[in-house]
Amino acid sequence: MYPLAEDEQLLWSGRPQRYVRRYRDYHPYVLVVIVLVAAAAATAIFTLSYRDTVPWIVVLGLLAGTAVERNRERRSFVAGTSYLVTDRRLIFVSQWPPGVEFRWVPLGYLRPPRVRDHGDGTGTIDFHPTATEWLRDQGYRSRPAWYPMLPELMAVPDAAQVADLIARNAPRSPVVG
C-alpha cells in the first residue's frame, strides 16, 4: 500500500496520538473578539440602533463560523494522517473518504529536526522553517495533503528518538523521485 522504492527500507511508522492545538490556531478567535469589542464600542459611542448593529452581528457570526470550521477541518485531517520514515524519505499518508494521498520529502532536503515535547510522552517534530516559509504555510495549515505545507510530525510517541533517526539518515539519503 505504501509507496516504497525497491531498495528503500522502512525505519519507523506512526500516527498522531492526539490533536495538538497551537497558538496560531487561536488567531481567528482573536479576530472575532476584536470585531466584537469594536462593535460594542461603536454601539455605545454612537448609540446605534438595532438596525445598525445587525451587519456587525452577521460579520461576527461569519468570522466565528470560519474559525470553528478551520479547526474542525484540521482536526479531521490530523486524524487521518500517518507518517513513515524510511532511509531516504519522510512520507505523509492521508486517508480520506475519496482515497489515499501520499506526499513525501527526501530527508536530504530537510533542515535539522526540532522537537517540542508535550509532556505526555509525545512530541511534535518540525524542521526549522524560515519566517517566509512559515508565513506562506499559514494559509494552508489545515488543508488536505495535496496543498503545500511544511513537513511536521504532530504528537508522535518518542519524538526525540524519531528526530534522531531522521537526523542520522538525512546526510546519506539519496534523492528518490
Protein backbone atom coordinates (compact mmCIF):
# COMPACT_ATOMS: atom_id res chain seq x y z
CA MET A 1 0.00 0.00 0.00
CA TYR A 2 2.77 2.48 0.85
CA PRO A 3 4.91 3.84 -1.99
CA LEU A 4 8.34 2.49 -1.08
CA ALA A 5 11.05 2.19 -3.71
CA GLU A 6 12.58 -1.23 -4.48
CA ASP A 7 15.57 -0.96 -2.14
CA GLU A 8 14.10 1.53 0.34
CA GLN A 9 13.90 0.48 3.98
CA LEU A 10 11.15 1.48 6.42
CA LEU A 11 12.72 2.70 9.67
CA TRP A 12 9.68 3.98 11.61
CA SER A 13 5.95 4.48 11.12
CA GLY A 14 3.37 6.11 13.32
CA ARG A 15 0.43 8.46 13.52
CA PRO A 16 -0.56 11.42 15.67
CA GLN A 17 -1.60 10.27 19.12
CA ARG A 18 -3.79 13.30 19.71
CA TYR A 19 -4.78 16.65 18.26
CA VAL A 20 -2.39 19.39 19.36
CA ARG A 21 -3.67 22.94 19.47
CA ARG A 22 -1.12 25.61 18.73
CA TYR A 23 -1.12 29.34 19.38
CA ARG A 24 -1.78 30.09 15.71
CA ASP A 25 -4.97 28.01 15.82
CA TYR A 26 -6.48 30.73 18.02
CA HIS A 27 -5.78 33.67 15.68
CA PRO A 28 -9.27 33.61 14.11
CA TYR A 29 -10.82 33.69 17.59
CA VAL A 30 -8.74 36.77 18.43
CA LEU A 31 -10.12 38.43 15.31
CA VAL A 32 -13.68 37.60 16.41
CA VAL A 33 -13.04 39.19 19.83
CA ILE A 34 -11.60 42.33 18.19
CA VAL A 35 -14.66 42.70 15.95
CA LEU A 36 -16.96 42.10 18.94
CA VAL A 37 -15.22 44.79 21.01
CA ALA A 38 -15.26 47.21 18.06
CA ALA A 39 -18.98 46.59 17.52
CA ALA A 40 -19.75 47.10 21.21
CA ALA A 41 -17.67 50.28 21.32
CA ALA A 42 -19.30 51.65 18.15
CA THR A 43 -22.75 50.86 19.51
CA ALA A 44 -22.00 52.57 22.84
CA ILE A 45 -20.24 55.64 21.39
CA PHE A 46 -22.60 56.35 18.53
CA THR A 47 -25.77 55.00 20.21
CA LEU A 48 -26.54 52.87 17.19
CA SER A 49 -29.92 51.31 16.74
CA TYR A 50 -30.60 47.60 16.39
CA ARG A 51 -30.83 48.02 12.62
CA ASP A 52 -27.29 49.42 12.54
CA THR A 53 -25.81 46.60 14.63
CA VAL A 54 -27.23 43.70 12.58
CA PRO A 55 -24.39 43.86 9.98
CA TRP A 56 -21.85 43.68 12.81
CA ILE A 57 -23.59 40.60 14.18
CA VAL A 58 -23.57 38.96 10.73
CA VAL A 59 -19.84 39.66 10.26
CA LEU A 60 -19.09 38.33 13.73
CA GLY A 61 -21.07 35.16 13.02
CA LEU A 62 -19.24 34.58 9.73
CA LEU A 63 -15.84 35.05 11.40
CA ALA A 64 -16.72 32.69 14.24
CA GLY A 65 -18.02 30.07 11.80
CA THR A 66 -14.85 30.27 9.73
CA ALA A 67 -12.66 29.86 12.82
CA VAL A 68 -14.60 26.84 14.05
CA GLU A 69 -14.62 25.20 10.60
CA ARG A 70 -10.87 25.69 10.10
CA ASN A 71 -10.05 23.94 13.38
CA ARG A 72 -12.59 21.17 12.72
CA GLU A 73 -11.10 20.53 9.29
CA ARG A 74 -7.57 20.46 10.69
CA ARG A 75 -8.60 18.01 13.40
CA SER A 76 -10.11 15.60 10.85
CA PHE A 77 -7.02 15.95 8.63
CA VAL A 78 -4.72 15.05 11.54
CA ALA A 79 -6.92 12.07 12.48
CA GLY A 80 -6.47 10.53 9.00
CA THR A 81 -2.71 11.05 8.71
CA SER A 82 0.14 8.54 9.12
CA TYR A 83 3.88 9.14 8.98
CA LEU A 84 6.60 6.91 7.57
CA VAL A 85 10.33 7.44 7.97
CA THR A 86 12.48 5.50 5.54
CA ASP A 87 16.20 5.56 4.97
CA ARG A 88 15.56 8.11 2.19
CA ARG A 89 12.29 9.97 2.74
CA LEU A 90 9.72 11.27 5.15
CA ILE A 91 6.32 10.09 3.83
CA PHE A 92 2.91 11.50 4.78
CA VAL A 93 -0.13 9.32 4.15
CA SER A 94 -3.58 10.90 4.39
CA GLN A 95 -6.59 8.60 4.26
CA TRP A 96 -9.70 10.47 3.16
CA PRO A 97 -13.08 9.13 2.07
CA PRO A 98 -12.30 9.58 -1.66
CA GLY A 99 -8.97 7.71 -1.37
CA VAL A 100 -5.45 7.75 -0.03
CA GLU A 101 -2.98 10.60 -0.64
CA PHE A 102 0.80 10.18 -0.44
CA ARG A 103 3.32 13.02 -0.09
CA TRP A 104 6.98 12.75 0.67
CA VAL A 105 10.07 14.83 1.26
CA PRO A 106 13.59 13.46 0.73
CA LEU A 107 15.46 13.50 4.04
CA GLY A 108 18.34 15.37 2.43
CA TYR A 109 16.05 18.36 1.71
CA LEU A 110 15.03 18.83 5.34
CA ARG A 111 16.62 21.16 7.86
CA PRO A 112 17.72 19.67 11.20
CA PRO A 113 14.66 18.43 13.13
CA ARG A 114 13.37 20.32 16.16
CA VAL A 115 11.33 18.52 18.83
CA ARG A 116 8.68 20.13 21.04
CA ASP A 117 7.80 17.85 23.95
CA HIS A 118 4.14 17.82 25.03
CA GLY A 119 4.84 16.31 28.45
CA ASP A 120 2.74 13.18 27.92
CA GLY A 121 5.26 11.01 26.11
CA THR A 122 4.51 12.60 22.75
CA GLY A 123 6.13 15.42 20.87
CA THR A 124 5.93 17.34 17.61
CA ILE A 125 8.83 17.33 15.16
CA ASP A 126 9.29 20.19 12.71
CA PHE A 127 12.22 21.26 10.59
CA HIS A 128 13.01 24.91 11.46
CA PRO A 129 11.03 26.71 8.76
CA THR A 130 12.22 30.13 7.73
CA ALA A 131 9.91 33.07 8.52
CA THR A 132 8.85 33.28 4.86
CA GLU A 133 8.04 29.55 4.70
CA TRP A 134 6.11 29.72 7.96
CA LEU A 135 4.04 32.74 6.86
CA ARG A 136 3.28 31.21 3.46
CA ASP A 137 2.24 27.96 5.15
CA GLN A 138 -0.31 29.58 7.48
CA GLY A 139 -2.94 29.82 4.75
CA TYR A 140 -2.65 26.09 4.05
CA ARG A 141 -2.09 24.63 7.52
CA SER A 142 -5.39 22.82 7.88
CA ARG A 143 -5.79 21.79 4.26
CA PRO A 144 -5.59 18.28 2.79
CA ALA A 145 -2.30 16.70 1.73
CA TRP A 146 -2.27 17.97 -1.83
CA TYR A 147 -1.92 21.59 -0.63
CA PRO A 148 1.63 22.76 0.03
CA MET A 149 2.58 22.62 3.69
CA LEU A 150 5.66 22.44 5.84
CA PRO A 151 6.56 18.94 7.00
CA GLU A 152 5.63 18.32 10.61
CA LEU A 153 5.11 15.12 12.59
CA MET A 154 2.49 16.02 15.18
CA ALA A 155 2.12 14.33 18.58
CA VAL A 156 4.17 11.23 17.83
CA PRO A 157 5.40 8.93 20.60
CA ASP A 158 9.16 9.05 21.35
CA ALA A 159 9.58 12.15 19.21
CA ALA A 160 13.22 12.69 20.25
CA GLN A 161 14.19 9.21 19.05
CA VAL A 162 12.35 9.68 15.74
CA ALA A 163 14.03 13.06 15.22
CA ASP A 164 17.42 11.47 15.90
CA LEU A 165 16.62 8.72 13.38
CA ILE A 166 15.78 11.35 10.75
CA ALA A 167 18.88 13.42 11.52
CA ARG A 168 21.19 10.37 11.29
CA ASN A 169 19.81 9.28 7.91
CA ALA A 170 19.43 12.72 6.29
CA PRO A 171 23.06 13.29 5.22
CA ARG A 172 23.38 9.94 3.43
CA SER A 173 19.94 9.68 1.86
CA PRO A 174 19.85 9.71 -1.94
CA VAL A 175 17.08 11.59 -3.69
CA VAL A 176 14.06 9.46 -4.61
CA GLY A 177 11.74 10.72 -7.35
